[in-house]
Protein backbone atom coordinates (compact mmCIF):
# COMPACT_ATOMS: atom_id res chain seq x y z
CA UNK A 1 -0.04 -0.02 0.02
CA UNK A 2 1.39 3.36 -0.95
CA UNK A 3 0.88 5.78 1.88
CA UNK A 4 2.42 8.80 0.19
CA UNK A 5 -0.93 10.22 -1.07
CA UNK A 6 -2.46 9.73 2.48
CA UNK A 7 0.48 11.50 4.13
CA UNK A 8 0.25 14.29 1.51
CA UNK A 9 -3.37 14.78 2.09
CA UNK A 10 -2.97 15.07 5.84
CA UNK A 11 0.08 17.42 5.54
CA UNK A 12 -1.98 19.57 3.20
CA UNK A 13 -4.93 19.54 5.55
CA UNK A 14 -2.59 20.61 8.38
CA UNK A 15 -1.17 23.54 6.31
CA UNK A 16 -4.63 24.57 5.34
CA UNK A 17 -5.92 24.56 8.92
CA UNK A 18 -2.95 26.63 10.08
CA UNK A 19 -3.51 29.20 7.40
CA UNK A 20 -7.20 29.43 8.19
CA UNK A 21 -6.38 30.03 11.82
CA UNK A 22 -7.81 26.72 13.11
CA UNK A 23 -4.59 25.83 14.84
CA UNK A 24 -3.55 29.39 15.62
CA UNK A 25 -2.37 30.24 19.23
CA UNK A 26 -0.21 32.73 20.96
CA UNK A 27 3.51 32.52 20.88
CA UNK A 28 4.92 31.53 24.37
CA UNK A 29 7.83 33.91 23.83
CA UNK A 30 5.43 36.75 23.21
CA UNK A 31 3.58 35.89 26.40
CA UNK A 32 6.70 35.96 28.45
CA UNK A 33 7.79 39.21 26.82
CA UNK A 34 4.51 41.03 27.76
CA UNK A 35 4.60 39.70 31.41
CA UNK A 36 8.33 40.76 31.87
CA UNK A 37 8.46 44.03 29.96
CA UNK A 38 4.82 45.14 29.59
CA UNK A 39 5.50 45.89 25.94
CA UNK A 40 4.90 43.72 22.98
CA UNK A 41 3.89 45.68 19.87
CA UNK A 42 2.81 43.40 17.06
CA UNK A 43 2.97 40.36 19.15
CA UNK A 44 0.63 37.30 18.88
CA UNK A 45 -1.10 36.75 22.12
CA UNK A 46 -4.29 35.34 20.60
CA UNK A 47 -6.03 33.05 23.14
CA UNK A 48 -3.61 33.87 25.89
CA UNK A 49 -4.72 34.06 29.54
CA UNK A 50 -3.63 37.54 30.90
CA UNK A 51 -6.28 37.61 33.61
CA UNK A 52 -5.59 40.09 36.45
CA UNK A 53 -2.32 41.42 35.01
CA UNK A 54 -1.29 45.05 35.46
CA UNK A 55 -0.39 46.23 31.82
CA UNK A 56 -0.91 50.03 32.52
CA UNK A 57 1.14 52.04 30.15
CA UNK A 58 1.95 48.96 27.99
CA UNK A 59 2.73 49.23 24.33
CA UNK A 60 0.49 46.82 22.58
CA UNK A 61 0.17 48.45 19.24
CA UNK A 62 -1.14 46.06 16.51
CA UNK A 63 -0.97 43.20 18.96
CA UNK A 64 -3.22 40.11 18.30
CA UNK A 65 -5.15 39.66 21.48
CA UNK A 66 -8.19 37.95 19.82
CA UNK A 67 -9.94 35.44 22.00
CA UNK A 68 -7.57 36.29 24.86
CA UNK A 69 -8.68 36.38 28.55
CA UNK A 70 -8.19 39.85 29.92
CA UNK A 71 -10.77 39.95 32.69
CA UNK A 72 -9.91 42.44 35.35
CA UNK A 73 -6.71 43.53 33.53
CA UNK A 74 -5.37 47.00 34.21
CA UNK A 75 -4.72 48.62 30.76
CA UNK A 76 -4.90 52.25 31.80
CA UNK A 77 -2.98 54.60 29.57
CA UNK A 78 -1.82 51.62 27.32
CA UNK A 79 -1.21 52.07 23.61
CA UNK A 80 -3.43 49.63 21.85
CA UNK A 81 -3.66 51.41 18.54
CA UNK A 82 -4.76 48.86 15.84
CA UNK A 83 -4.82 46.01 18.32
CA UNK A 84 -7.12 42.99 17.54
CA UNK A 85 -9.18 42.35 20.67
CA UNK A 86 -12.01 40.50 18.78
CA UNK A 87 -13.93 38.03 20.91
CA UNK A 88 -11.63 38.78 23.88
CA UNK A 89 -12.96 38.60 27.44
CA UNK A 90 -12.27 42.04 29.00
CA UNK A 91 -14.93 41.73 31.82
CA UNK A 92 -14.11 44.40 34.39
CA UNK A 93 -10.92 45.49 32.55
CA UNK A 94 -9.65 49.03 33.34
CA UNK A 95 -9.04 50.83 29.98
CA UNK A 96 -9.21 54.36 31.31
CA UNK A 97 -7.26 56.81 29.07
CA UNK A 98 -6.12 53.87 26.83
CA UNK A 99 -5.47 54.52 23.10
CA UNK A 100 -7.85 52.12 21.24
CA UNK A 101 -7.69 54.08 17.98
CA UNK A 102 -8.53 51.71 15.08
CA UNK A 103 -8.71 48.68 17.44
CA UNK A 104 -10.88 45.74 16.60
CA UNK A 105 -13.29 44.81 19.53
CA UNK A 106 -15.89 42.85 17.48
CA UNK A 107 -17.71 40.37 19.65
CA UNK A 108 -15.57 41.30 22.68
CA UNK A 109 -16.96 40.89 26.17
CA UNK A 110 -16.65 44.29 27.77
CA UNK A 111 -19.11 43.95 30.65
CA UNK A 112 -18.30 46.44 33.43
CA UNK A 113 -15.15 47.54 31.64
CA UNK A 114 -13.91 51.11 32.26
CA UNK A 115 -13.25 53.31 29.22
CA UNK A 116 -13.16 56.76 30.94
CA UNK A 117 -11.26 59.24 28.68
CA UNK A 118 -10.16 56.47 26.39
CA UNK A 119 -9.50 57.23 22.72
CA UNK A 120 -11.93 55.08 20.66
CA UNK A 121 -11.92 56.82 17.31
CA UNK A 122 -12.09 54.29 14.53
CA UNK A 123 -12.42 51.33 16.97
CA UNK A 124 -14.86 48.59 15.85
CA UNK A 125 -17.23 47.55 18.71
CA UNK A 126 -19.72 45.60 16.42
CA UNK A 127 -21.35 42.89 18.41
CA UNK A 128 -19.33 43.71 21.59
CA UNK A 129 -21.15 43.43 24.92
CA UNK A 130 -20.87 46.81 26.61
CA UNK A 131 -23.40 45.98 29.38
CA UNK A 132 -22.71 48.15 32.49
CA UNK A 133 -19.47 49.49 31.06
CA UNK A 134 -18.22 52.94 32.11
CA UNK A 135 -17.96 54.83 28.79
CA UNK A 136 -15.38 57.45 27.73
CA UNK A 137 -17.64 60.32 29.03
CA UNK A 138 -17.97 58.77 32.49
CA UNK A 139 -21.54 57.57 31.91
CA UNK A 140 -22.61 53.89 32.41
CA UNK A 141 -23.88 51.94 29.45
CA UNK A 142 -27.25 50.24 29.91
CA UNK A 143 -27.50 46.49 30.35
CA UNK A 144 -27.81 44.97 26.97
CA UNK A 145 -25.75 47.54 25.17
CA UNK A 146 -24.34 45.68 22.17
CA UNK A 147 -22.12 47.26 19.55
CA UNK A 148 -22.47 50.66 21.14
CA UNK A 149 -22.86 52.27 24.50
CA UNK A 150 -26.59 53.01 25.09
CA UNK A 151 -26.96 55.35 28.08
């Protein structure tokens, strides 16, 4: 039996899955870098558990944080310009005075997150849960606010 076609099929399937993001995950070196230096612009932290970390003032420009766990994280005054936070859990995160310009927050869980004085110009909040979040103007979003802060 010639197994070369079978091996080629499974190798091709693995390459396709990796390119499609099916097997994508954060890079351990990037996780260690952000924990040690609080800076990791352009890093891949997708799916990483950063729960409870203090990342105030961190440089996370264009960092991939999609599907990551950031509940309760302190991100005050961090630079997250162009970061991908899609489907991330930011429940109770502190994003006061954070630069989120052009960040992608689609489908993110932002319940009770604080955005006071944050820069959100160009940020995509579509399908994001903003229930009870403290918005940039200091007013609380109503429960059920999805995609935008309804006060």
